[in-house]
N, C-alpha and C. Protein backbone atom coordinates (compact mmCIF):
# COMPACT_ATOMS: atom_id res chain seq x y z
N MET A 1 138.01 9.07 134.40
CA MET A 1 138.68 9.52 135.63
C MET A 1 140.02 8.81 135.76
N ILE A 2 141.06 9.58 136.07
CA ILE A 2 142.39 8.99 136.21
C ILE A 2 142.43 8.15 137.48
N GLY A 3 142.89 6.92 137.35
CA GLY A 3 142.93 6.02 138.49
C GLY A 3 144.00 6.38 139.49
N GLN A 4 143.81 5.92 140.72
CA GLN A 4 144.77 6.21 141.78
C GLN A 4 146.12 5.57 141.49
N ILE A 5 146.14 4.40 140.85
CA ILE A 5 147.41 3.73 140.53
C ILE A 5 148.22 4.57 139.56
N ALA A 6 147.54 5.13 138.53
CA ALA A 6 148.23 5.95 137.54
C ALA A 6 148.81 7.20 138.19
N ILE A 7 148.05 7.83 139.07
CA ILE A 7 148.55 9.02 139.76
C ILE A 7 149.73 8.67 140.65
N SER A 8 149.63 7.57 141.37
CA SER A 8 150.71 7.14 142.26
C SER A 8 151.98 6.90 141.47
N SER A 9 151.86 6.27 140.30
CA SER A 9 153.02 5.99 139.47
C SER A 9 153.66 7.28 138.98
N ALA A 10 152.83 8.26 138.63
CA ALA A 10 153.35 9.52 138.10
C ALA A 10 154.11 10.33 139.13
N VAL A 11 153.71 10.26 140.39
CA VAL A 11 154.34 11.08 141.43
C VAL A 11 155.41 10.33 142.21
N ASN A 12 155.59 9.04 141.94
CA ASN A 12 156.53 8.23 142.71
C ASN A 12 157.94 8.38 142.15
N ALA A 13 158.77 9.12 142.85
CA ALA A 13 160.14 9.34 142.39
C ALA A 13 161.01 8.10 142.48
N GLU A 14 160.54 7.08 143.21
CA GLU A 14 161.33 5.86 143.38
C GLU A 14 160.85 4.74 142.46
N CYS A 15 160.12 5.09 141.41
CA CYS A 15 159.57 4.05 140.54
C CYS A 15 160.68 3.25 139.86
N SER A 16 160.44 1.98 139.65
CA SER A 16 161.43 1.12 139.00
C SER A 16 161.58 1.51 137.55
N GLY A 17 162.78 1.32 137.01
CA GLY A 17 163.02 1.64 135.62
C GLY A 17 163.06 3.13 135.33
N ARG A 18 163.28 3.92 136.35
CA ARG A 18 163.27 5.37 136.17
C ARG A 18 164.39 5.85 135.26
N PHE A 19 165.56 5.26 135.38
CA PHE A 19 166.72 5.71 134.62
C PHE A 19 166.96 4.80 133.42
N ALA A 20 167.20 5.41 132.26
CA ALA A 20 167.32 4.64 131.03
C ALA A 20 168.55 5.10 130.25
N LYS A 21 169.16 4.16 129.54
CA LYS A 21 170.27 4.50 128.66
C LYS A 21 169.74 5.19 127.40
N PRO A 22 170.43 6.25 126.95
CA PRO A 22 170.01 6.88 125.70
C PRO A 22 169.89 5.90 124.53
N SER A 23 170.78 4.92 124.48
CA SER A 23 170.75 3.96 123.38
C SER A 23 169.54 3.04 123.43
N ALA A 24 168.89 2.97 124.59
CA ALA A 24 167.73 2.10 124.74
C ALA A 24 166.41 2.83 124.58
N ARG A 25 166.48 4.13 124.36
CA ARG A 25 165.27 4.95 124.26
C ARG A 25 164.99 5.30 122.80
N GLY A 26 163.72 5.25 122.43
CA GLY A 26 163.33 5.74 121.12
C GLY A 26 163.12 7.24 121.15
N TRP A 27 162.65 7.78 120.04
CA TRP A 27 162.44 9.22 119.93
C TRP A 27 160.97 9.57 119.73
N ASN A 28 160.10 8.61 120.03
CA ASN A 28 158.68 8.92 119.97
C ASN A 28 158.33 9.94 121.05
N SER A 29 157.39 10.79 120.75
CA SER A 29 156.97 11.80 121.71
C SER A 29 155.46 11.87 121.73
N SER A 30 154.90 12.00 122.94
CA SER A 30 153.47 12.22 123.05
C SER A 30 153.09 13.50 122.33
N PHE A 31 153.93 14.51 122.50
CA PHE A 31 153.69 15.81 121.87
C PHE A 31 154.84 16.70 122.29
N HIS A 32 155.62 17.18 121.35
CA HIS A 32 156.74 18.04 121.74
C HIS A 32 156.22 19.29 122.44
N ALA A 33 156.90 19.66 123.50
CA ALA A 33 156.42 20.74 124.35
C ALA A 33 156.42 22.09 123.65
N LYS A 34 157.13 22.22 122.54
CA LYS A 34 157.16 23.50 121.82
C LYS A 34 156.44 23.42 120.47
N LEU A 35 155.71 22.34 120.23
CA LEU A 35 154.90 22.22 119.02
C LEU A 35 153.44 22.33 119.43
N PHE A 36 152.92 23.54 119.42
CA PHE A 36 151.59 23.79 119.94
C PHE A 36 150.56 23.75 118.82
N PRO A 37 149.30 23.55 119.17
CA PRO A 37 148.27 23.37 118.14
C PRO A 37 148.00 24.61 117.30
N ASN A 38 148.34 25.79 117.80
CA ASN A 38 148.16 26.99 116.99
C ASN A 38 149.18 28.04 117.40
N GLN A 39 149.35 29.03 116.55
CA GLN A 39 150.39 30.04 116.75
C GLN A 39 150.15 30.85 118.01
N ASP A 40 148.89 31.17 118.31
CA ASP A 40 148.61 31.96 119.51
C ASP A 40 149.05 31.24 120.77
N THR A 41 148.78 29.92 120.83
CA THR A 41 149.19 29.15 122.00
C THR A 41 150.71 29.11 122.12
N LYS A 42 151.38 28.92 120.98
CA LYS A 42 152.84 28.86 120.99
C LYS A 42 153.44 30.17 121.46
N ILE A 43 152.96 31.28 120.92
CA ILE A 43 153.49 32.58 121.32
C ILE A 43 153.21 32.84 122.79
N GLY A 44 152.00 32.51 123.24
CA GLY A 44 151.66 32.73 124.64
C GLY A 44 152.52 31.94 125.59
N ALA A 45 152.85 30.69 125.21
CA ALA A 45 153.65 29.83 126.07
C ALA A 45 155.11 30.24 126.10
N LEU A 46 155.64 30.66 124.95
CA LEU A 46 157.07 30.93 124.86
C LEU A 46 157.43 32.39 125.14
N ALA A 47 156.44 33.26 125.13
CA ALA A 47 156.70 34.67 125.41
C ALA A 47 156.41 34.99 126.87
N GLN A 48 156.55 33.98 127.73
CA GLN A 48 156.31 34.21 129.15
C GLN A 48 157.35 35.16 129.72
N SER A 49 156.94 35.89 130.70
CA SER A 49 157.89 36.74 131.41
C SER A 49 157.87 36.36 132.88
N TYR A 50 158.98 36.68 133.54
CA TYR A 50 159.07 36.47 134.97
C TYR A 50 159.60 37.77 135.57
N LYS A 51 158.80 38.39 136.43
CA LYS A 51 159.13 39.68 137.00
C LYS A 51 159.47 40.69 135.90
N GLY A 52 158.73 40.58 134.79
CA GLY A 52 158.89 41.51 133.68
C GLY A 52 159.99 41.18 132.70
N LEU A 53 160.71 40.07 132.92
CA LEU A 53 161.81 39.69 132.04
C LEU A 53 161.48 38.41 131.30
N LEU A 54 161.95 38.30 130.06
CA LEU A 54 161.68 37.11 129.27
C LEU A 54 162.26 35.87 129.95
N ASN A 55 161.45 34.81 129.96
CA ASN A 55 161.86 33.53 130.51
C ASN A 55 161.33 32.46 129.54
N VAL A 56 162.08 32.20 128.50
CA VAL A 56 161.57 31.43 127.36
C VAL A 56 161.63 29.93 127.66
N LYS A 57 160.76 29.49 128.56
CA LYS A 57 160.63 28.07 128.87
C LYS A 57 159.15 27.73 128.90
N THR A 58 158.81 26.52 128.51
CA THR A 58 157.41 26.13 128.49
C THR A 58 156.89 25.98 129.92
N PRO A 59 155.58 26.10 130.11
CA PRO A 59 155.01 25.86 131.45
C PRO A 59 155.33 24.46 131.96
N PHE A 60 155.40 23.48 131.05
CA PHE A 60 155.69 22.11 131.47
C PHE A 60 157.10 22.01 132.03
N ASP A 61 158.07 22.62 131.34
CA ASP A 61 159.46 22.52 131.78
C ASP A 61 159.72 23.34 133.04
N LEU A 62 159.03 24.46 133.18
CA LEU A 62 159.16 25.22 134.43
C LEU A 62 158.73 24.36 135.62
N TYR A 63 157.64 23.64 135.44
CA TYR A 63 157.20 22.74 136.53
C TYR A 63 158.25 21.66 136.78
N LEU A 64 158.81 21.09 135.71
CA LEU A 64 159.79 20.01 135.88
C LEU A 64 161.04 20.51 136.61
N TYR A 65 161.47 21.71 136.30
CA TYR A 65 162.62 22.27 137.02
C TYR A 65 162.29 22.47 138.50
N THR A 66 161.07 22.94 138.77
CA THR A 66 160.67 23.10 140.18
C THR A 66 160.73 21.76 140.90
N ARG A 67 160.23 20.71 140.25
CA ARG A 67 160.25 19.37 140.84
C ARG A 67 161.69 18.91 141.07
N LEU A 68 162.58 19.13 140.09
CA LEU A 68 163.97 18.69 140.22
C LEU A 68 164.70 19.46 141.31
N ILE A 69 164.46 20.77 141.39
CA ILE A 69 165.12 21.57 142.43
C ILE A 69 164.70 21.08 143.81
N TRP A 70 163.43 20.76 143.97
CA TRP A 70 162.96 20.26 145.26
C TRP A 70 163.56 18.89 145.57
N GLU A 71 163.58 18.02 144.58
CA GLU A 71 164.08 16.66 144.82
C GLU A 71 165.58 16.64 145.03
N LEU A 72 166.33 17.32 144.19
CA LEU A 72 167.80 17.23 144.22
C LEU A 72 168.40 18.13 145.29
N GLN A 73 167.75 19.23 145.63
CA GLN A 73 168.32 20.22 146.55
C GLN A 73 169.71 20.67 146.05
N PRO A 74 169.77 21.20 144.83
CA PRO A 74 171.08 21.56 144.27
C PRO A 74 171.73 22.70 145.04
N ARG A 75 173.05 22.68 145.07
CA ARG A 75 173.80 23.80 145.63
C ARG A 75 174.22 24.77 144.54
N THR A 76 174.24 24.27 143.28
CA THR A 76 174.66 25.09 142.15
C THR A 76 173.76 24.81 140.95
N ILE A 77 173.32 25.87 140.28
CA ILE A 77 172.69 25.75 138.97
C ILE A 77 173.55 26.53 137.98
N LEU A 78 173.99 25.85 136.93
CA LEU A 78 174.70 26.50 135.83
C LEU A 78 173.73 26.68 134.68
N GLU A 79 173.66 27.87 134.15
CA GLU A 79 172.78 28.15 133.01
C GLU A 79 173.63 28.66 131.86
N LEU A 80 173.53 28.00 130.71
CA LEU A 80 174.21 28.45 129.50
C LEU A 80 173.18 29.16 128.63
N GLY A 81 173.34 30.46 128.45
CA GLY A 81 172.37 31.27 127.73
C GLY A 81 171.55 32.09 128.69
N SER A 82 171.81 33.40 128.76
CA SER A 82 171.19 34.24 129.78
C SER A 82 170.00 35.04 129.27
N LEU A 83 170.01 35.46 128.00
CA LEU A 83 169.02 36.35 127.43
C LEU A 83 168.91 37.60 128.32
N GLN A 84 167.70 37.95 128.77
CA GLN A 84 167.55 39.12 129.64
C GLN A 84 167.89 38.83 131.10
N GLY A 85 168.07 37.56 131.42
CA GLY A 85 168.33 37.18 132.81
C GLY A 85 167.09 36.68 133.53
N GLY A 86 165.96 36.59 132.82
CA GLY A 86 164.72 36.18 133.46
C GLY A 86 164.75 34.76 133.99
N SER A 87 165.33 33.84 133.21
CA SER A 87 165.36 32.45 133.67
C SER A 87 166.35 32.27 134.82
N GLY A 88 167.48 32.97 134.75
CA GLY A 88 168.43 32.91 135.86
C GLY A 88 167.81 33.44 137.15
N LEU A 89 167.06 34.52 137.03
CA LEU A 89 166.37 35.08 138.20
C LEU A 89 165.32 34.10 138.72
N TRP A 90 164.61 33.44 137.80
CA TRP A 90 163.60 32.45 138.20
C TRP A 90 164.27 31.29 138.95
N PHE A 91 165.41 30.79 138.41
CA PHE A 91 166.12 29.71 139.09
C PHE A 91 166.55 30.13 140.49
N ALA A 92 167.06 31.34 140.63
CA ALA A 92 167.52 31.81 141.93
C ALA A 92 166.36 31.90 142.92
N ASP A 93 165.24 32.42 142.47
CA ASP A 93 164.08 32.51 143.35
C ASP A 93 163.58 31.13 143.75
N GLN A 94 163.56 30.19 142.80
CA GLN A 94 163.12 28.83 143.11
C GLN A 94 164.04 28.19 144.16
N MET A 95 165.35 28.36 143.99
CA MET A 95 166.28 27.78 144.96
C MET A 95 166.09 28.41 146.34
N SER A 96 165.86 29.71 146.38
CA SER A 96 165.73 30.38 147.67
C SER A 96 164.50 29.90 148.43
N VAL A 97 163.48 29.44 147.71
CA VAL A 97 162.26 28.97 148.34
C VAL A 97 162.31 27.47 148.64
N LEU A 98 162.88 26.69 147.72
CA LEU A 98 162.75 25.24 147.78
C LEU A 98 163.94 24.52 148.42
N CYS A 99 165.08 25.17 148.50
CA CYS A 99 166.28 24.48 148.98
C CYS A 99 166.56 24.83 150.45
N GLU A 100 166.90 23.81 151.20
CA GLU A 100 167.18 24.01 152.62
C GLU A 100 168.49 24.75 152.84
N ASN A 101 169.46 24.51 151.96
CA ASN A 101 170.76 25.17 152.08
C ASN A 101 170.93 26.21 150.97
N LYS A 102 171.60 27.27 151.28
CA LYS A 102 171.80 28.34 150.32
C LYS A 102 172.56 27.83 149.10
N GLY A 103 172.11 28.23 147.92
CA GLY A 103 172.75 27.79 146.69
C GLY A 103 173.19 28.96 145.84
N GLU A 104 173.71 28.63 144.65
CA GLU A 104 174.23 29.63 143.73
C GLU A 104 173.73 29.33 142.32
N VAL A 105 173.40 30.41 141.59
CA VAL A 105 173.07 30.29 140.17
C VAL A 105 174.13 31.08 139.40
N HIS A 106 174.74 30.42 138.42
CA HIS A 106 175.74 31.06 137.57
C HIS A 106 175.27 30.95 136.13
N SER A 107 175.06 32.10 135.50
CA SER A 107 174.53 32.15 134.14
C SER A 107 175.60 32.71 133.20
N PHE A 108 175.78 32.04 132.05
CA PHE A 108 176.88 32.35 131.14
C PHE A 108 176.35 32.75 129.77
N ASP A 109 176.90 33.81 129.21
CA ASP A 109 176.48 34.26 127.88
C ASP A 109 177.54 35.21 127.33
N ILE A 110 177.64 35.27 126.01
CA ILE A 110 178.56 36.23 125.40
C ILE A 110 177.95 37.62 125.33
N HIS A 111 176.60 37.68 125.30
CA HIS A 111 175.91 38.96 125.13
C HIS A 111 175.40 39.46 126.49
N THR A 112 176.32 39.73 127.39
CA THR A 112 175.90 40.18 128.72
C THR A 112 175.28 41.57 128.70
N GLU A 113 175.46 42.30 127.60
CA GLU A 113 174.84 43.62 127.51
C GLU A 113 173.31 43.52 127.42
N CYS A 114 172.80 42.31 127.10
CA CYS A 114 171.35 42.11 127.00
C CYS A 114 170.70 41.84 128.36
N ILE A 115 171.50 41.58 129.38
CA ILE A 115 170.96 41.25 130.70
C ILE A 115 170.38 42.51 131.33
N HIS A 116 169.15 42.41 131.76
CA HIS A 116 168.43 43.56 132.31
C HIS A 116 168.92 43.87 133.72
N VAL A 117 168.90 45.14 134.05
CA VAL A 117 169.34 45.57 135.38
C VAL A 117 168.48 44.96 136.48
N ASP A 118 167.24 44.60 136.15
CA ASP A 118 166.35 44.03 137.16
C ASP A 118 166.61 42.54 137.41
N ALA A 119 167.47 41.93 136.62
CA ALA A 119 167.84 40.53 136.85
C ALA A 119 168.88 40.48 137.96
N ASN A 120 168.44 40.79 139.14
CA ASN A 120 169.35 40.97 140.27
C ASN A 120 168.89 40.12 141.45
N HIS A 121 169.78 39.31 141.97
CA HIS A 121 169.46 38.43 143.10
C HIS A 121 170.77 38.08 143.80
N PRO A 122 170.79 38.02 145.13
CA PRO A 122 172.05 37.72 145.83
C PRO A 122 172.63 36.34 145.51
N MET A 123 171.79 35.43 144.99
CA MET A 123 172.28 34.09 144.66
C MET A 123 172.64 33.94 143.18
N LEU A 124 172.52 35.03 142.40
CA LEU A 124 172.66 34.96 140.95
C LEU A 124 173.86 35.78 140.47
N THR A 125 174.70 35.14 139.65
CA THR A 125 175.86 35.82 139.07
C THR A 125 175.89 35.55 137.57
N PHE A 126 176.11 36.60 136.80
CA PHE A 126 176.24 36.46 135.35
C PHE A 126 177.72 36.54 134.96
N HIS A 127 178.08 35.74 133.95
CA HIS A 127 179.47 35.68 133.49
C HIS A 127 179.50 35.83 131.97
N LYS A 128 180.43 36.60 131.47
CA LYS A 128 180.60 36.75 130.03
C LYS A 128 181.59 35.70 129.53
N ILE A 129 181.11 34.79 128.68
CA ILE A 129 182.00 33.81 128.06
C ILE A 129 181.56 33.60 126.62
N ASP A 130 182.47 33.05 125.84
CA ASP A 130 182.20 32.69 124.45
C ASP A 130 182.23 31.17 124.35
N LEU A 131 181.07 30.55 124.12
CA LEU A 131 181.02 29.08 124.07
C LEU A 131 181.73 28.50 122.85
N LEU A 132 182.11 29.35 121.91
CA LEU A 132 182.95 28.89 120.81
C LEU A 132 184.41 28.80 121.23
N ASP A 133 184.71 29.34 122.41
CA ASP A 133 186.05 29.28 122.98
C ASP A 133 185.91 28.87 124.45
N LEU A 134 185.90 27.56 124.70
CA LEU A 134 185.60 27.06 126.04
C LEU A 134 186.67 27.44 127.05
N ALA A 135 187.82 27.89 126.58
CA ALA A 135 188.86 28.34 127.50
C ALA A 135 188.45 29.61 128.24
N THR A 136 187.37 30.26 127.79
CA THR A 136 186.91 31.46 128.49
C THR A 136 186.17 31.13 129.78
N PHE A 137 185.84 29.85 130.00
CA PHE A 137 185.31 29.44 131.30
C PHE A 137 186.39 29.63 132.37
N ASP A 138 185.98 29.95 133.56
CA ASP A 138 186.87 30.07 134.71
C ASP A 138 186.92 28.69 135.39
N GLU A 139 187.97 27.93 135.12
CA GLU A 139 188.07 26.58 135.68
C GLU A 139 188.14 26.61 137.20
N HIS A 140 188.78 27.60 137.76
CA HIS A 140 188.87 27.68 139.22
C HIS A 140 187.47 27.80 139.82
N LEU A 141 186.63 28.61 139.19
CA LEU A 141 185.25 28.75 139.65
C LEU A 141 184.54 27.40 139.59
N LEU A 142 184.62 26.73 138.44
CA LEU A 142 183.91 25.47 138.26
C LEU A 142 184.39 24.40 139.24
N GLU A 143 185.67 24.38 139.51
CA GLU A 143 186.23 23.38 140.42
C GLU A 143 185.75 23.57 141.86
N ASN A 144 185.33 24.77 142.19
CA ASN A 144 185.00 25.07 143.59
C ASN A 144 183.52 25.29 143.85
N LEU A 145 182.68 25.16 142.83
CA LEU A 145 181.24 25.31 143.05
C LEU A 145 180.70 24.09 143.77
N PRO A 146 179.84 24.28 144.77
CA PRO A 146 179.34 23.14 145.56
C PRO A 146 178.36 22.28 144.77
N HIS A 147 178.32 21.01 145.11
CA HIS A 147 177.42 20.04 144.48
C HIS A 147 176.31 19.69 145.47
N PRO A 148 175.18 19.19 144.94
CA PRO A 148 174.89 18.78 143.56
C PRO A 148 174.67 19.98 142.62
N TRP A 149 174.85 19.67 141.31
CA TRP A 149 174.66 20.67 140.27
C TRP A 149 173.45 20.30 139.41
N ILE A 150 172.82 21.34 138.88
CA ILE A 150 171.96 21.22 137.69
C ILE A 150 172.58 22.13 136.65
N ALA A 151 173.05 21.56 135.56
CA ALA A 151 173.58 22.34 134.45
C ALA A 151 172.54 22.34 133.33
N VAL A 152 172.20 23.53 132.83
CA VAL A 152 171.15 23.69 131.83
C VAL A 152 171.75 24.35 130.60
N ASP A 153 171.77 23.63 129.47
CA ASP A 153 172.27 24.19 128.22
C ASP A 153 171.09 24.71 127.41
N ASP A 154 170.94 26.04 127.41
CA ASP A 154 169.92 26.70 126.60
C ASP A 154 170.59 27.69 125.66
N ALA A 155 171.85 27.43 125.31
CA ALA A 155 172.61 28.35 124.47
C ALA A 155 172.66 27.90 123.01
N HIS A 156 172.58 26.57 122.79
CA HIS A 156 172.54 26.01 121.43
C HIS A 156 173.81 26.29 120.64
N VAL A 157 174.95 26.28 121.31
CA VAL A 157 176.24 26.51 120.65
C VAL A 157 177.13 25.31 120.95
N GLN A 158 177.55 24.59 119.91
CA GLN A 158 178.39 23.38 120.02
C GLN A 158 178.07 22.62 121.31
N ILE A 159 176.84 22.10 121.38
CA ILE A 159 176.31 21.58 122.64
C ILE A 159 177.11 20.38 123.15
N PHE A 160 177.60 19.53 122.28
CA PHE A 160 178.29 18.34 122.78
C PHE A 160 179.75 18.64 123.14
N SER A 161 180.37 19.58 122.46
CA SER A 161 181.70 20.02 122.89
C SER A 161 181.62 20.70 124.25
N THR A 162 180.57 21.49 124.45
CA THR A 162 180.38 22.14 125.74
C THR A 162 180.12 21.11 126.83
N PHE A 163 179.28 20.12 126.53
CA PHE A 163 179.05 19.05 127.50
C PHE A 163 180.36 18.35 127.84
N ASP A 164 181.14 18.01 126.82
CA ASP A 164 182.40 17.29 127.03
C ASP A 164 183.33 18.08 127.94
N TYR A 165 183.30 19.41 127.80
CA TYR A 165 184.14 20.26 128.64
C TYR A 165 183.64 20.28 130.09
N LEU A 166 182.33 20.50 130.25
CA LEU A 166 181.78 20.66 131.60
C LEU A 166 181.65 19.34 132.35
N GLU A 167 181.54 18.24 131.62
CA GLU A 167 181.28 16.94 132.25
C GLU A 167 182.34 16.59 133.28
N LYS A 168 183.57 16.99 133.05
CA LYS A 168 184.65 16.63 133.98
C LYS A 168 184.51 17.31 135.34
N PHE A 169 183.67 18.33 135.42
CA PHE A 169 183.44 19.01 136.69
C PHE A 169 182.25 18.45 137.44
N LEU A 170 181.44 17.61 136.78
CA LEU A 170 180.25 17.05 137.41
C LEU A 170 180.60 15.79 138.20
N VAL A 171 179.82 15.52 139.24
CA VAL A 171 180.02 14.32 140.06
C VAL A 171 178.74 13.50 140.02
N SER A 172 178.82 12.30 140.58
CA SER A 172 177.67 11.40 140.60
C SER A 172 176.47 12.09 141.25
N GLY A 173 175.32 11.98 140.56
CA GLY A 173 174.10 12.58 141.07
C GLY A 173 173.78 13.94 140.48
N ASP A 174 174.76 14.57 139.82
CA ASP A 174 174.52 15.86 139.16
C ASP A 174 173.67 15.66 137.90
N TYR A 175 172.99 16.73 137.50
CA TYR A 175 172.12 16.69 136.32
C TYR A 175 172.64 17.63 135.24
N TYR A 176 172.40 17.21 134.00
CA TYR A 176 172.74 18.03 132.82
C TYR A 176 171.54 17.98 131.90
N VAL A 177 170.93 19.13 131.63
CA VAL A 177 169.72 19.21 130.81
C VAL A 177 170.05 19.97 129.53
N ILE A 178 169.75 19.37 128.38
CA ILE A 178 169.98 20.01 127.09
C ILE A 178 168.63 20.39 126.49
N GLU A 179 168.36 21.68 126.43
CA GLU A 179 167.05 22.15 125.96
C GLU A 179 167.02 22.31 124.44
N ASP A 180 165.87 22.06 123.86
CA ASP A 180 165.50 22.41 122.48
C ASP A 180 166.20 21.57 121.41
N ASP A 181 167.53 21.57 121.38
CA ASP A 181 168.24 20.87 120.31
C ASP A 181 167.84 19.40 120.17
N PRO A 182 167.63 18.66 121.27
CA PRO A 182 167.25 17.24 121.10
C PRO A 182 165.92 17.03 120.38
N MET A 183 165.10 18.06 120.26
CA MET A 183 163.84 17.89 119.53
C MET A 183 164.09 17.60 118.05
N ARG A 184 165.30 17.93 117.55
CA ARG A 184 165.63 17.62 116.15
C ARG A 184 165.76 16.12 115.93
N ALA A 185 166.29 15.43 116.95
CA ALA A 185 166.48 13.98 116.88
C ALA A 185 167.18 13.55 115.60
N ASP A 186 168.16 14.33 115.14
CA ASP A 186 168.91 13.97 113.94
C ASP A 186 170.15 13.16 114.35
N SER A 187 170.98 12.84 113.37
CA SER A 187 172.13 11.98 113.66
C SER A 187 173.10 12.63 114.63
N GLU A 188 173.25 13.96 114.57
CA GLU A 188 174.14 14.65 115.50
C GLU A 188 173.66 14.46 116.94
N ILE A 189 172.35 14.60 117.15
CA ILE A 189 171.80 14.46 118.50
C ILE A 189 171.90 13.02 118.98
N ILE A 190 171.51 12.08 118.15
CA ILE A 190 171.52 10.67 118.55
C ILE A 190 172.94 10.20 118.85
N ASP A 191 173.89 10.54 117.97
CA ASP A 191 175.29 10.15 118.20
C ASP A 191 175.84 10.84 119.44
N GLY A 192 175.49 12.12 119.63
CA GLY A 192 175.99 12.85 120.79
C GLY A 192 175.49 12.28 122.10
N LEU A 193 174.22 11.87 122.15
CA LEU A 193 173.68 11.29 123.37
C LEU A 193 174.29 9.92 123.66
N GLN A 194 174.68 9.21 122.62
CA GLN A 194 175.36 7.93 122.85
C GLN A 194 176.74 8.17 123.46
N LEU A 195 177.41 9.24 123.06
CA LEU A 195 178.68 9.59 123.69
C LEU A 195 178.47 10.01 125.14
N ILE A 196 177.38 10.72 125.40
CA ILE A 196 177.04 11.10 126.77
C ILE A 196 176.80 9.85 127.63
N GLU A 197 176.14 8.85 127.03
CA GLU A 197 175.93 7.59 127.75
C GLU A 197 177.26 6.96 128.15
N LYS A 198 178.25 7.00 127.25
CA LYS A 198 179.56 6.42 127.56
C LYS A 198 180.27 7.19 128.68
N SER A 199 179.84 8.44 128.91
CA SER A 199 180.41 9.23 130.01
C SER A 199 179.73 8.94 131.34
N GLY A 200 178.75 8.00 131.32
CA GLY A 200 178.13 7.58 132.56
C GLY A 200 176.85 8.31 132.90
N PHE A 201 176.17 8.87 131.91
CA PHE A 201 174.92 9.58 132.15
C PHE A 201 173.74 8.74 131.69
N LEU A 202 172.64 8.82 132.45
CA LEU A 202 171.40 8.13 132.12
C LEU A 202 170.27 9.13 132.03
N ILE A 203 169.27 8.82 131.20
CA ILE A 203 168.08 9.66 131.08
C ILE A 203 167.19 9.42 132.30
N ASP A 204 166.74 10.49 132.92
CA ASP A 204 165.80 10.37 134.03
C ASP A 204 164.39 10.52 133.47
N THR A 205 163.71 9.40 133.30
CA THR A 205 162.38 9.41 132.69
C THR A 205 161.32 9.99 133.62
N TYR A 206 161.66 10.19 134.89
CA TYR A 206 160.75 10.86 135.82
C TYR A 206 160.48 12.29 135.35
N TYR A 207 161.44 12.84 134.59
CA TYR A 207 161.30 14.18 134.06
C TYR A 207 160.93 14.18 132.58
N THR A 208 161.58 13.36 131.79
CA THR A 208 161.27 13.37 130.35
C THR A 208 159.83 12.94 130.08
N ASP A 209 159.29 12.06 130.92
CA ASP A 209 157.98 11.46 130.63
C ASP A 209 156.89 11.87 131.63
N ALA A 210 157.10 12.94 132.36
CA ALA A 210 156.14 13.33 133.40
C ALA A 210 154.77 13.64 132.83
N PHE A 211 154.72 14.21 131.63
CA PHE A 211 153.45 14.58 131.01
C PHE A 211 153.12 13.68 129.81
N GLY A 212 153.86 12.59 129.65
CA GLY A 212 153.77 11.74 128.48
C GLY A 212 155.17 11.59 127.91
N THR A 213 155.39 10.59 127.09
CA THR A 213 156.73 10.29 126.60
C THR A 213 157.38 11.50 125.95
N ASN A 214 158.49 11.94 126.52
CA ASN A 214 159.29 13.05 125.98
C ASN A 214 158.49 14.33 125.76
N PHE A 215 157.50 14.57 126.60
CA PHE A 215 156.74 15.82 126.52
C PHE A 215 157.52 16.88 127.30
N THR A 216 158.55 17.41 126.68
CA THR A 216 159.46 18.37 127.29
C THR A 216 160.26 19.02 126.17
N CYS A 217 160.82 20.18 126.44
CA CYS A 217 161.70 20.79 125.44
C CYS A 217 163.07 20.13 125.44
N ALA A 218 163.30 19.16 126.33
CA ALA A 218 164.57 18.44 126.39
C ALA A 218 164.32 16.93 126.29
N PRO A 219 163.72 16.44 125.17
CA PRO A 219 163.46 15.01 125.06
C PRO A 219 164.74 14.19 125.15
N ASN A 220 164.67 13.14 125.97
CA ASN A 220 165.83 12.26 126.20
C ASN A 220 167.04 13.00 126.75
N ALA A 221 166.83 14.17 127.29
CA ALA A 221 167.98 14.98 127.68
C ALA A 221 167.87 15.59 129.07
N TRP A 222 167.11 14.95 129.97
CA TRP A 222 167.23 15.21 131.41
C TRP A 222 168.17 14.11 131.91
N LEU A 223 169.44 14.45 132.04
CA LEU A 223 170.51 13.46 132.18
C LEU A 223 171.13 13.52 133.58
N ARG A 224 171.30 12.36 134.16
CA ARG A 224 171.87 12.27 135.51
C ARG A 224 173.17 11.47 135.45
N LYS A 225 174.20 12.00 136.08
CA LYS A 225 175.48 11.30 136.10
C LYS A 225 175.45 10.18 137.14
N SER A 226 175.81 8.99 136.70
CA SER A 226 175.76 7.81 137.57
C SER A 226 176.90 7.86 138.59
């Protein structure tokens, strides 16, 4: 039986040592959130739909985003990578239920023709951009979006160049989550996270370790700007 102390520690957002430097964290994982014990489980978890649209996020990470939206009360969520629009729609619905103040979801992708007509919500806007050409971002839009932000990179295109571009628009307390790519834990990822550390970001272990060390599709990559 899980003890009350262990449960209290897991749910306590004010726990000591919550924020960690990327350079001080190892890459051990209890179990990567996208490495499932069999193919059926993997397909079932990743082929989830939301209101009939693909929302390719693990059940664990969906819960973590719900927790972060409730805790942070973001005014803006930026999503890189739209697919059918299912995850953007999910983010908008979560904000409408969990946030006291009205927020905005902005989802960016080059393949906007793939966005389904049913991915429609008054708080959700899709934008066509090419992440290989960061000048296609609308800087005026980014400069005027209300904070706090949650920025989610699920596009997997020059992730650290994109971070370097967007970082200048983030303020203290904003979050930047890099999905999937950090599971590689290769030299590009490790070196990139050390550069992110120099930009004043820390890993929020309240999210990376909620289900066990780095049990998330974004190991060491739930990042908060100091």
